[in-house]
N, C-alpha and C. Protein backbone atom coordinates (compact mmCIF):
# COMPACT_ATOMS: atom_id res chain seq x y z
N UNK A 1 4.55 -10.21 3.37
CA UNK A 1 4.92 -9.60 1.67
C UNK A 1 6.30 -9.17 1.89
N UNK A 2 6.95 -9.56 2.65
CA UNK A 2 8.48 -9.22 2.68
C UNK A 2 8.95 -8.10 2.85
N UNK A 3 8.16 -7.09 3.27
CA UNK A 3 8.66 -5.78 3.51
C UNK A 3 9.36 -5.56 4.86
N UNK A 4 10.49 -5.38 4.90
CA UNK A 4 11.24 -5.01 5.94
C UNK A 4 11.29 -3.48 6.65
N UNK A 5 11.38 -2.67 5.55
CA UNK A 5 11.56 -1.19 5.80
C UNK A 5 10.79 -0.61 4.74
N UNK A 6 10.57 0.67 4.92
CA UNK A 6 9.96 1.61 3.92
C UNK A 6 11.22 2.10 2.72
N UNK A 7 10.72 2.26 1.64
CA UNK A 7 11.60 2.89 0.74
C UNK A 7 11.67 4.24 0.57
N UNK A 8 10.69 4.78 0.93
CA UNK A 8 10.36 6.24 0.64
C UNK A 8 10.65 7.01 1.79
N UNK A 9 10.89 8.40 1.87
CA UNK A 9 11.13 9.03 3.11
C UNK A 9 10.02 10.28 3.09
N UNK A 10 9.87 10.75 4.19
CA UNK A 10 8.78 11.76 4.61
C UNK A 10 7.49 10.94 4.97
N UNK A 11 6.84 11.35 5.78
CA UNK A 11 5.56 10.87 6.49
C UNK A 11 4.54 10.53 5.13
N UNK A 12 4.10 11.57 4.41
CA UNK A 12 3.36 11.47 3.38
C UNK A 12 3.66 10.13 2.43
N UNK A 13 4.93 10.30 1.91
CA UNK A 13 5.08 8.98 0.98
C UNK A 13 5.35 7.83 1.65
N UNK A 14 5.53 7.59 3.18
CA UNK A 14 5.39 6.39 3.64
C UNK A 14 4.05 5.92 3.83
N UNK A 15 3.10 6.90 3.99
CA UNK A 15 1.82 6.55 4.06
C UNK A 15 1.40 5.85 2.69
N UNK A 16 1.91 6.59 1.70
CA UNK A 16 1.09 6.23 0.26
C UNK A 16 1.79 4.97 0.11
N UNK A 17 3.15 4.53 0.27
CA UNK A 17 3.81 3.12 0.33
C UNK A 17 3.11 2.00 1.14
N UNK A 18 2.53 2.38 2.31
CA UNK A 18 1.84 1.44 3.15
C UNK A 18 0.64 1.39 2.58
N UNK A 19 -0.17 2.26 2.06
CA UNK A 19 -1.30 2.07 1.35
C UNK A 19 -1.49 1.21 0.03
N UNK A 20 -0.16 1.10 -0.63
CA UNK A 20 -0.28 0.36 -1.74
C UNK A 20 0.21 -1.13 -1.17
N UNK A 21 0.89 -1.18 0.08
CA UNK A 21 1.12 -2.71 0.31
C UNK A 21 -0.06 -3.36 1.05
N UNK A 22 -0.84 -2.35 1.64
CA UNK A 22 -2.06 -2.89 2.25
C UNK A 22 -2.89 -3.03 1.05
N UNK A 23 -3.07 -2.58 0.07
CA UNK A 23 -3.92 -3.00 -1.06
C UNK A 23 -3.61 -4.17 -1.72
N UNK A 24 -2.33 -3.98 -2.08
CA UNK A 24 -1.72 -5.55 -2.57
C UNK A 24 -1.99 -6.84 -1.84
N UNK A 25 -1.92 -6.72 -0.34
CA UNK A 25 -2.28 -7.54 0.54
C UNK A 25 -3.77 -8.08 0.60
N UNK A 26 -4.58 -7.13 0.46
CA UNK A 26 -6.02 -7.39 0.45
C UNK A 26 -6.34 -8.12 -0.75
N UNK A 27 -5.83 -7.56 -2.06
CA UNK A 27 -6.09 -8.30 -3.45
C UNK A 27 -5.60 -9.49 -3.34
N UNK A 28 -4.60 -9.83 -2.75
CA UNK A 28 -4.00 -11.43 -2.73
C UNK A 28 -4.74 -12.32 -1.94
N UNK A 29 -5.29 -11.47 -0.76
CA UNK A 29 -6.18 -12.37 0.15
C UNK A 29 -7.50 -12.66 -0.44
N UNK A 30 -8.11 -11.83 -1.36
CA UNK A 30 -9.19 -11.78 -1.97
C UNK A 30 -9.16 -13.17 -2.77
N UNK A 31 -7.94 -12.83 -3.66
CA UNK A 31 -7.89 -14.02 -4.57
C UNK A 31 -7.90 -15.26 -3.84
N UNK A 32 -7.20 -15.42 -2.85
CA UNK A 32 -6.99 -16.80 -2.20
C UNK A 32 -8.49 -17.32 -1.66
N UNK A 33 -8.99 -16.46 -0.95
CA UNK A 33 -10.56 -16.64 -0.53
C UNK A 33 -11.70 -16.82 -1.60
N UNK A 34 -11.64 -16.18 -2.64
CA UNK A 34 -12.71 -16.22 -3.52
C UNK A 34 -12.38 -17.09 -4.92
N UNK A 35 -11.12 -16.62 -5.28
CA UNK A 35 -10.81 -17.33 -6.68
C UNK A 35 -10.80 -16.24 -7.69
N UNK A 36 -10.17 -16.38 -8.75
CA UNK A 36 -10.00 -15.30 -9.85
C UNK A 36 -11.25 -14.96 -10.59
N UNK A 37 -12.00 -16.25 -10.96
CA UNK A 37 -13.10 -16.18 -11.73
C UNK A 37 -14.13 -15.19 -11.01
N UNK A 38 -14.27 -15.90 -9.92
CA UNK A 38 -15.70 -14.97 -9.09
C UNK A 38 -15.20 -13.51 -8.87
N UNK A 39 -13.78 -13.18 -8.46
CA UNK A 39 -13.49 -12.08 -8.40
C UNK A 39 -13.59 -11.05 -9.67
N UNK A 40 -13.27 -11.46 -11.00
CA UNK A 40 -13.38 -11.08 -12.06
C UNK A 40 -15.02 -10.85 -12.38
N UNK A 41 -15.81 -11.62 -12.05
CA UNK A 41 -17.27 -11.85 -12.24
C UNK A 41 -17.65 -10.63 -11.27
N UNK A 42 -17.30 -10.53 -10.04
CA UNK A 42 -17.91 -9.34 -9.04
C UNK A 42 -17.64 -8.03 -9.45
N UNK A 43 -16.04 -7.66 -10.08
CA UNK A 43 -15.78 -6.77 -10.46
C UNK A 43 -16.52 -6.06 -11.87
N UNK A 44 -17.04 -6.95 -12.78
CA UNK A 44 -17.84 -6.71 -13.79
C UNK A 44 -19.10 -6.40 -13.30
N UNK A 45 -19.62 -6.80 -12.36
CA UNK A 45 -21.11 -6.16 -12.00
C UNK A 45 -21.36 -4.89 -11.37
């Protein structure tokens, strides 16, 4: 994902930043494995 260092300071903010990075990674991986049409169909159900 190209993240070399955290942009935020303080542990609470770094945790939030890491959570967003992990969420983006998981969504990207899901799109790669399942595909966009199936992901949209699953989200609507």
